[in-house]
Amino acid sequence: MYTSHPNIQLPNDPNTIVWKYLDLSKFLDLLLSRQLFMSRSDKFEDQYEGTFSEPTYEEIKKLSEHNPAFLKYYKSQREKVVVSSWHINEYESFAMWQIFTQNSEGLAIQSTIKRLQNALEVESNYKQYIGEVNYIDYKKEYIPFDDLFFPFLFKRKSFQYEREIRVISDVSALGLEIDNGLKIQIDINQLIEKIYIHPKSENWYKKLVIELVRKLGYDFEIEKSDLESDILI
């Protein structure tokens, strides 16, 4: 279930548009299972995920001089926190299409922060929090560590283009051993407002996606991205 958190920030407007770019197999898995995959935080490509900036690390290291378990605890926390990443943007992102989809056969789910919050209400086993990622200079800027979620809501400035919103769960209290991640229950109809099909895809691919979605019993609005539409001159 979605739970608000006093230390986690979100855009003020709940109707802020968010996107998830994914390939067809992951999209169909989402529709068939009605579950959202959340990745273990240390399994992302960015090795800095869930770590601290240099000024923060130096402070934690001093605190750990006489209590080594303190630093070990923060390091192991990365294995207990799972994340689902979404992109904030009023419009589609050409960069996101290129990064997160392949072979012209990807899709983009358009949603909003409010829809995302509502969609999480059906999950009863894990608490989810939603927060906006802050982008900082890891060599100079400080990440607070008075809240266990803070390391997972900061990234290096070189990732600013992601404009990321994160669904986060901490499952450490449940004693679970997580491999690559876990799935949570999700209300698909709340989650998805609209579906966009890859701008470089062929017409047969759009028809295939529409047919698959209909056969699975959904009636989402589906259209092909117009980022590759013909020029007008």
C-alpha atoms as a PDB file:
ATOM      1  CA  MET A   1       0.000   0.000   0.000  1.00  0.00           C
ATOM      2  CA  TYR A   2       1.134   3.550  -0.627  1.00  0.00           C
ATOM      3  CA  THR A   3       2.140   5.391   2.537  1.00  0.00           C
ATOM      4  CA  SER A   4       3.102   9.053   2.788  1.00  0.00           C
ATOM      5  CA  HIS A   5       6.407   9.840   4.450  1.00  0.00           C
ATOM      6  CA  PRO A   6       7.235  13.156   6.178  1.00  0.00           C
ATOM      7  CA  ASN A   7      10.841  13.185   4.921  1.00  0.00           C
ATOM      8  CA  ILE A   8      10.200  12.166   1.303  1.00  0.00           C
ATOM      9  CA  GLN A   9       9.380  14.911  -1.190  1.00  0.00           C
ATOM     10  CA  LEU A  10       7.063  14.805  -4.190  1.00  0.00           C
ATOM     11  CA  PRO A  11       6.007  17.430  -6.729  1.00  0.00           C
ATOM     12  CA  ASN A  12       3.150  19.531  -5.347  1.00  0.00           C
ATOM     13  CA  ASP A  13       0.800  18.694  -8.221  1.00  0.00           C
ATOM     14  CA  PRO A  14      -0.580  15.116  -7.916  1.00  0.00           C
ATOM     15  CA  ASN A  15      -1.455  15.268 -11.619  1.00  0.00           C
ATOM     16  CA  THR A  16       2.228  15.494 -12.561  1.00  0.00           C
ATOM     17  CA  ILE A  17       2.706  13.125 -15.514  1.00  0.00           C
ATOM     18  CA  VAL A  18       5.088  10.198 -15.101  1.00  0.00           C
ATOM     19  CA  TRP A  19       6.271   7.587 -17.596  1.00  0.00           C
ATOM     20  CA  LYS A  20       7.679   4.088 -17.649  1.00  0.00           C
ATOM     21  CA  TYR A  21       9.473   2.881 -20.777  1.00  0.00           C
ATOM     22  CA  LEU A  22       9.704  -0.891 -21.207  1.00  0.00           C
ATOM     23  CA  ASP A  23       9.864  -3.675 -23.771  1.00  0.00           C
ATOM     24  CA  LEU A  24       6.875  -5.767 -24.853  1.00  0.00           C
ATOM     25  CA  SER A  25       7.740  -8.813 -22.745  1.00  0.00           C
ATOM     26  CA  LYS A  26       7.912  -6.779 -19.522  1.00  0.00           C
ATOM     27  CA  PHE A  27       4.726  -4.952 -20.457  1.00  0.00           C
ATOM     28  CA  LEU A  28       2.842  -8.215 -21.029  1.00  0.00           C
ATOM     29  CA  ASP A  29       4.200  -9.621 -17.771  1.00  0.00           C
ATOM     30  CA  LEU A  30       2.798  -6.559 -15.997  1.00  0.00           C
ATOM     31  CA  LEU A  31      -0.653  -7.056 -17.550  1.00  0.00           C
ATOM     32  CA  LEU A  32      -0.754 -10.826 -17.028  1.00  0.00           C
ATOM     33  CA  SER A  33       0.521 -10.872 -13.459  1.00  0.00           C
ATOM     34  CA  ARG A  34      -1.030  -7.571 -12.370  1.00  0.00           C
ATOM     35  CA  GLN A  35       2.193  -7.094 -10.482  1.00  0.00           C
ATOM     36  CA  LEU A  36       4.843  -4.382 -10.681  1.00  0.00           C
ATOM     37  CA  PHE A  37       8.465  -5.518 -10.586  1.00  0.00           C
ATOM     38  CA  MET A  38      10.690  -3.649  -8.129  1.00  0.00           C
ATOM     39  CA  SER A  39      14.431  -4.085  -8.488  1.00  0.00           C
ATOM     40  CA  ARG A  40      16.816  -4.607  -5.594  1.00  0.00           C
ATOM     41  CA  SER A  41      18.555  -1.265  -5.246  1.00  0.00           C
ATOM     42  CA  ASP A  42      22.101  -2.586  -5.672  1.00  0.00           C
ATOM     43  CA  LYS A  43      21.215  -4.346  -8.936  1.00  0.00           C
ATOM     44  CA  PHE A  44      20.915  -1.161 -10.996  1.00  0.00           C
ATOM     45  CA  GLU A  45      23.606  -0.349 -13.529  1.00  0.00           C
ATOM     46  CA  ASP A  46      24.703   2.689 -11.517  1.00  0.00           C
ATOM     47  CA  GLN A  47      27.083   1.329  -8.866  1.00  0.00           C
ATOM     48  CA  TYR A  48      26.427   4.380  -6.678  1.00  0.00           C
ATOM     49  CA  GLU A  49      22.789   3.400  -6.089  1.00  0.00           C
ATOM     50  CA  GLY A  50      21.960   3.554  -2.392  1.00  0.00           C
ATOM     51  CA  THR A  51      25.426   4.796  -1.458  1.00  0.00           C
ATOM     52  CA  PHE A  52      26.471   8.088   0.100  1.00  0.00           C
ATOM     53  CA  SER A  53      28.295  11.110  -1.230  1.00  0.00           C
ATOM     54  CA  GLU A  54      31.901  11.619  -0.112  1.00  0.00           C
ATOM     55  CA  PRO A  55      31.162  14.192   2.656  1.00  0.00           C
ATOM     56  CA  THR A  56      28.468  11.935   4.113  1.00  0.00           C
ATOM     57  CA  TYR A  57      30.614   8.824   3.877  1.00  0.00           C
ATOM     58  CA  GLU A  58      33.459  10.536   5.752  1.00  0.00           C
ATOM     59  CA  GLU A  59      31.070  11.418   8.564  1.00  0.00           C
ATOM     60  CA  ILE A  60      29.647   7.898   8.745  1.00  0.00           C
ATOM     61  CA  LYS A  61      33.156   6.449   8.735  1.00  0.00           C
ATOM     62  CA  LYS A  62      34.072   8.549  11.798  1.00  0.00           C
ATOM     63  CA  LEU A  63      30.927   7.385  13.594  1.00  0.00           C
ATOM     64  CA  SER A  64      31.849   3.791  12.763  1.00  0.00           C
ATOM     65  CA  GLU A  65      35.355   3.889  14.246  1.00  0.00           C
ATOM     66  CA  HIS A  66      34.130   2.455  17.523  1.00  0.00           C
ATOM     67  CA  ASN A  67      31.024   0.803  16.105  1.00  0.00           C
ATOM     68  CA  PRO A  68      31.855  -1.081  12.861  1.00  0.00           C
ATOM     69  CA  ALA A  69      28.331  -2.523  12.744  1.00  0.00           C
ATOM     70  CA  PHE A  70      27.026   0.982  12.020  1.00  0.00           C
ATOM     71  CA  LEU A  71      28.730   1.134   8.596  1.00  0.00           C
ATOM     72  CA  LYS A  72      27.994  -2.517   7.847  1.00  0.00           C
ATOM     73  CA  TYR A  73      24.318  -1.898   8.505  1.00  0.00           C
ATOM     74  CA  TYR A  74      24.146   0.918   5.947  1.00  0.00           C
ATOM     75  CA  LYS A  75      25.956  -1.170   3.342  1.00  0.00           C
ATOM     76  CA  SER A  76      23.671  -4.175   3.800  1.00  0.00           C
ATOM     77  CA  GLN A  77      20.560  -1.987   3.572  1.00  0.00           C
ATOM     78  CA  ARG A  78      20.984  -1.805  -0.206  1.00  0.00           C
ATOM     79  CA  GLU A  79      20.008  -5.483  -0.383  1.00  0.00           C
ATOM     80  CA  LYS A  80      16.761  -4.849   1.499  1.00  0.00           C
ATOM     81  CA  VAL A  81      15.386  -1.882  -0.433  1.00  0.00           C
ATOM     82  CA  VAL A  82      13.538  -2.348  -3.747  1.00  0.00           C
ATOM     83  CA  VAL A  83      12.780   0.354  -6.298  1.00  0.00           C
ATOM     84  CA  SER A  84      10.549   0.985  -9.316  1.00  0.00           C
ATOM     85  CA  SER A  85      11.708   3.952 -11.405  1.00  0.00           C
ATOM     86  CA  TRP A  86       9.471   6.391 -13.290  1.00  0.00           C
ATOM     87  CA  HIS A  87      10.285   9.450 -15.401  1.00  0.00           C
ATOM     88  CA  ILE A  88       8.698  12.881 -14.837  1.00  0.00           C
ATOM     89  CA  ASN A  89       7.850  14.681 -18.051  1.00  0.00           C
ATOM     90  CA  GLU A  90       4.864  16.469 -19.517  1.00  0.00           C
ATOM     91  CA  TYR A  91       5.751  14.911 -22.874  1.00  0.00           C
ATOM     92  CA  GLU A  92       7.432  11.793 -24.221  1.00  0.00           C
ATOM     93  CA  SER A  93      11.212  11.698 -24.044  1.00  0.00           C
ATOM     94  CA  PHE A  94      13.257  10.776 -27.100  1.00  0.00           C
ATOM     95  CA  ALA A  95      16.199   9.964 -24.811  1.00  0.00           C
ATOM     96  CA  MET A  96      14.101   7.594 -22.686  1.00  0.00           C
ATOM     97  CA  TRP A  97      12.948   5.707 -25.776  1.00  0.00           C
ATOM     98  CA  GLN A  98      16.568   5.197 -26.798  1.00  0.00           C
ATOM     99  CA  ILE A  99      17.813   4.151 -23.352  1.00  0.00           C
ATOM    100  CA  PHE A 100      15.051   1.856 -22.148  1.00  0.00           C
ATOM    101  CA  THR A 101      13.689   0.206 -25.304  1.00  0.00           C
ATOM    102  CA  GLN A 102      15.342  -1.784 -28.081  1.00  0.00           C
ATOM    103  CA  ASN A 103      14.726  -2.797 -31.682  1.00  0.00           C
ATOM    104  CA  SER A 104      11.811  -0.378 -32.152  1.00  0.00           C
ATOM    105  CA  GLU A 105       9.589  -2.685 -30.117  1.00  0.00           C
ATOM    106  CA  GLY A 106       9.070  -0.849 -26.878  1.00  0.00           C
ATOM    107  CA  LEU A 107       6.176   0.866 -25.157  1.00  0.00           C
ATOM    108  CA  ALA A 108       5.692   3.747 -22.769  1.00  0.00           C
ATOM    109  CA  ILE A 109       3.124   3.793 -19.985  1.00  0.00           C
ATOM    110  CA  GLN A 110       1.772   7.243 -19.212  1.00  0.00           C
ATOM    111  CA  SER A 111       0.452   7.764 -15.699  1.00  0.00           C
ATOM    112  CA  THR A 112       0.388  10.427 -12.984  1.00  0.00           C
ATOM    113  CA  ILE A 113       1.668  10.550  -9.429  1.00  0.00           C
ATOM    114  CA  LYS A 114      -1.902  10.343  -8.124  1.00  0.00           C
ATOM    115  CA  ARG A 115      -2.729   7.326 -10.292  1.00  0.00           C
ATOM    116  CA  LEU A 116       0.473   5.654  -9.133  1.00  0.00           C
ATOM    117  CA  GLN A 117      -0.461   6.250  -5.493  1.00  0.00           C
ATOM    118  CA  ASN A 118      -3.964   4.850  -6.031  1.00  0.00           C
ATOM    119  CA  ALA A 119      -2.670   1.835  -7.969  1.00  0.00           C
ATOM    120  CA  LEU A 120      -0.506   0.788  -5.008  1.00  0.00           C
ATOM    121  CA  GLU A 121      -3.464   0.537  -2.620  1.00  0.00           C
ATOM    122  CA  VAL A 122      -4.140  -3.100  -3.552  1.00  0.00           C
ATOM    123  CA  GLU A 123      -0.752  -4.274  -2.210  1.00  0.00           C
ATOM    124  CA  SER A 124      -1.098  -5.429   1.399  1.00  0.00           C
ATOM    125  CA  ASN A 125       2.224  -7.163   2.134  1.00  0.00           C
ATOM    126  CA  TYR A 126       4.636  -4.269   1.636  1.00  0.00           C
ATOM    127  CA  LYS A 127       4.514  -0.533   2.274  1.00  0.00           C
ATOM    128  CA  GLN A 128       5.491   1.677  -0.654  1.00  0.00           C
ATOM    129  CA  TYR A 129       6.734   5.238  -0.548  1.00  0.00           C
ATOM    130  CA  ILE A 130       7.028   7.518  -3.553  1.00  0.00           C
ATOM    131  CA  GLY A 131       9.746  10.148  -3.746  1.00  0.00           C
ATOM    132  CA  GLU A 132      11.440  12.487  -6.194  1.00  0.00           C
ATOM    133  CA  VAL A 133      15.146  11.909  -6.777  1.00  0.00           C
ATOM    134  CA  ASN A 134      17.616  14.722  -6.003  1.00  0.00           C
ATOM    135  CA  TYR A 135      20.665  15.139  -8.239  1.00  0.00           C
ATOM    136  CA  ILE A 136      23.830  16.358  -6.518  1.00  0.00           C
ATOM    137  CA  ASP A 137      27.631  16.539  -6.752  1.00  0.00           C
ATOM    138  CA  TYR A 138      28.760  13.411  -4.871  1.00  0.00           C
ATOM    139  CA  LYS A 139      32.212  14.877  -4.272  1.00  0.00           C
ATOM    140  CA  LYS A 140      30.974  18.038  -2.592  1.00  0.00           C
ATOM    141  CA  GLU A 141      27.364  17.801  -1.460  1.00  0.00           C
ATOM    142  CA  TYR A 142      25.996  16.130   1.644  1.00  0.00           C
ATOM    143  CA  ILE A 143      23.315  13.420   1.793  1.00  0.00           C
ATOM    144  CA  PRO A 144      21.499  13.300   5.145  1.00  0.00           C
ATOM    145  CA  PHE A 145      21.543   9.878   6.780  1.00  0.00           C
ATOM    146  CA  ASP A 146      18.991  10.451   9.519  1.00  0.00           C
ATOM    147  CA  ASP A 147      16.456   8.617   7.349  1.00  0.00           C
ATOM    148  CA  LEU A 148      17.183   5.215   5.796  1.00  0.00           C
ATOM    149  CA  PHE A 149      15.465   6.163   2.524  1.00  0.00           C
ATOM    150  CA  PHE A 150      17.651   9.204   1.795  1.00  0.00           C
ATOM    151  CA  PRO A 151      20.518   7.305   0.101  1.00  0.00           C
ATOM    152  CA  PHE A 152      17.988   5.925  -2.391  1.00  0.00           C
ATOM    153  CA  LEU A 153      16.615   9.363  -3.273  1.00  0.00           C
ATOM    154  CA  PHE A 154      19.897  10.951  -4.336  1.00  0.00           C
ATOM    155  CA  LYS A 155      21.866  10.408  -7.532  1.00  0.00           C
ATOM    156  CA  ARG A 156      24.810  12.024  -9.273  1.00  0.00           C
ATOM    157  CA  LYS A 157      24.189  15.117 -11.398  1.00  0.00           C
ATOM    158  CA  SER A 158      25.152  13.208 -14.548  1.00  0.00           C
ATOM    159  CA  PHE A 159      21.783  11.395 -14.243  1.00  0.00           C
ATOM    160  CA  GLN A 160      19.663  14.558 -14.137  1.00  0.00           C
ATOM    161  CA  TYR A 161      18.156  13.749 -17.540  1.00  0.00           C
ATOM    162  CA  GLU A 162      16.266  10.860 -15.876  1.00  0.00           C
ATOM    163  CA  ARG A 163      14.051  13.245 -13.837  1.00  0.00           C
ATOM    164  CA  GLU A 164      13.181  10.260 -11.706  1.00  0.00           C
ATOM    165  CA  ILE A 165      10.310   9.458  -9.379  1.00  0.00           C
ATOM    166  CA  ARG A 166      10.790   6.293  -7.336  1.00  0.00           C
ATOM    167  CA  VAL A 167       8.451   3.819  -5.719  1.00  0.00           C
ATOM    168  CA  ILE A 168      10.452   2.448  -2.773  1.00  0.00           C
ATOM    169  CA  SER A 169       9.912  -0.386  -0.305  1.00  0.00           C
ATOM    170  CA  ASP A 170      12.101  -1.427   2.612  1.00  0.00           C
ATOM    171  CA  VAL A 171      11.554  -5.129   3.296  1.00  0.00           C
ATOM    172  CA  SER A 172      14.316  -5.576   5.901  1.00  0.00           C
ATOM    173  CA  ALA A 173      11.805  -6.127   8.714  1.00  0.00           C
ATOM    174  CA  LEU A 174      10.243  -9.076   6.851  1.00  0.00           C
ATOM    175  CA  GLY A 175      13.417 -11.156   6.802  1.00  0.00           C
ATOM    176  CA  LEU A 176      13.214 -11.788   3.049  1.00  0.00           C
ATOM    177  CA  GLU A 177      16.139 -12.894   0.929  1.00  0.00           C
ATOM    178  CA  ILE A 178      15.777 -10.923  -2.302  1.00  0.00           C
ATOM    179  CA  ASP A 179      17.561 -12.007  -5.448  1.00  0.00           C
ATOM    180  CA  ASN A 180      17.075  -9.452  -8.226  1.00  0.00           C
ATOM    181  CA  GLY A 181      13.898  -7.913  -6.886  1.00  0.00           C
ATOM    182  CA  LEU A 182      10.286  -8.682  -6.052  1.00  0.00           C
ATOM    183  CA  LYS A 183       6.821  -8.106  -7.455  1.00  0.00           C
ATOM    184  CA  ILE A 184       4.040  -6.188  -5.746  1.00  0.00           C
ATOM    185  CA  GLN A 185       0.308  -6.210  -6.464  1.00  0.00           C
ATOM    186  CA  ILE A 186      -0.861  -3.277  -8.565  1.00  0.00           C
ATOM    187  CA  ASP A 187      -4.201  -1.980  -9.884  1.00  0.00           C
ATOM    188  CA  ILE A 188      -3.433  -1.950 -13.610  1.00  0.00           C
ATOM    189  CA  ASN A 189      -6.428   0.186 -14.570  1.00  0.00           C
ATOM    190  CA  GLN A 190      -5.426   2.851 -12.066  1.00  0.00           C
ATOM    191  CA  LEU A 191      -1.784   2.652 -13.048  1.00  0.00           C
ATOM    192  CA  ILE A 192      -2.128   3.085 -16.808  1.00  0.00           C
ATOM    193  CA  GLU A 193      -3.716   6.196 -18.241  1.00  0.00           C
ATOM    194  CA  LYS A 194      -2.436   5.766 -21.777  1.00  0.00           C
ATOM    195  CA  ILE A 195       0.002   3.627 -23.768  1.00  0.00           C
ATOM    196  CA  TYR A 196       2.385   4.900 -26.422  1.00  0.00           C
ATOM    197  CA  ILE A 197       4.049   2.586 -28.929  1.00  0.00           C
ATOM    198  CA  HIS A 198       7.654   3.056 -30.040  1.00  0.00           C
ATOM    199  CA  PRO A 199       8.002   5.874 -32.633  1.00  0.00           C
ATOM    200  CA  LYS A 200      10.054   3.672 -34.982  1.00  0.00           C
ATOM    201  CA  SER A 201       7.693   0.692 -34.835  1.00  0.00           C
ATOM    202  CA  GLU A 202       5.834  -0.705 -37.850  1.00  0.00           C
ATOM    203  CA  ASN A 203       2.042  -0.624 -38.197  1.00  0.00           C
ATOM    204  CA  TRP A 204       1.814  -4.402 -37.678  1.00  0.00           C
ATOM    205  CA  TYR A 205       3.441  -3.953 -34.283  1.00  0.00           C
ATOM    206  CA  LYS A 206       0.884  -1.383 -33.201  1.00  0.00           C
ATOM    207  CA  LYS A 207      -1.939  -3.717 -34.306  1.00  0.00           C
ATOM    208  CA  LEU A 208      -0.332  -6.589 -32.389  1.00  0.00           C
ATOM    209  CA  VAL A 209      -0.111  -4.568 -29.170  1.00  0.00           C
ATOM    210  CA  ILE A 210      -3.719  -3.391 -29.502  1.00  0.00           C
ATOM    211  CA  GLU A 211      -4.935  -6.973 -30.103  1.00  0.00           C
ATOM    212  CA  LEU A 212      -2.947  -8.369 -27.160  1.00  0.00           C
ATOM    213  CA  VAL A 213      -4.205  -5.686 -24.793  1.00  0.00           C
ATOM    214  CA  ARG A 214      -7.825  -6.216 -25.866  1.00  0.00           C
ATOM    215  CA  LYS A 215      -7.579 -10.024 -25.533  1.00  0.00           C
ATOM    216  CA  LEU A 216      -6.301  -9.556 -21.984  1.00  0.00           C
ATOM    217  CA  GLY A 217      -9.458  -7.602 -21.193  1.00  0.00           C
ATOM    218  CA  TYR A 218      -8.120  -4.058 -21.020  1.00  0.00           C
ATOM    219  CA  ASP A 219      -9.341  -1.012 -22.915  1.00  0.00           C
ATOM    220  CA  PHE A 220      -6.495   1.475 -22.514  1.00  0.00           C
ATOM    221  CA  GLU A 221      -6.064   4.250 -25.019  1.00  0.00           C
ATOM    222  CA  ILE A 222      -3.189   3.185 -27.264  1.00  0.00           C
ATOM    223  CA  GLU A 223      -1.444   5.249 -29.889  1.00  0.00           C
ATOM    224  CA  LYS A 224       1.836   5.303 -31.715  1.00  0.00           C
ATOM    225  CA  SER A 225       4.335   7.944 -30.657  1.00  0.00           C
ATOM    226  CA  ASP A 226       4.489  10.827 -33.132  1.00  0.00           C
ATOM    227  CA  LEU A 227       8.139  11.661 -32.435  1.00  0.00           C
ATOM    228  CA  GLU A 228       9.011  10.199 -35.848  1.00  0.00           C
ATOM    229  CA  SER A 229       6.079  11.703 -37.777  1.00  0.00           C
ATOM    230  CA  ASP A 230       6.647  13.207 -41.240  1.00  0.00           C
ATOM    231  CA  ILE A 231       7.957  16.742 -41.439  1.00  0.00           C
ATOM    232  CA  LEU A 232       5.591  19.342 -42.830  1.00  0.00           C
ATOM    233  CA  ILE A 233       7.848  21.025 -45.391  1.00  0.00           C
END
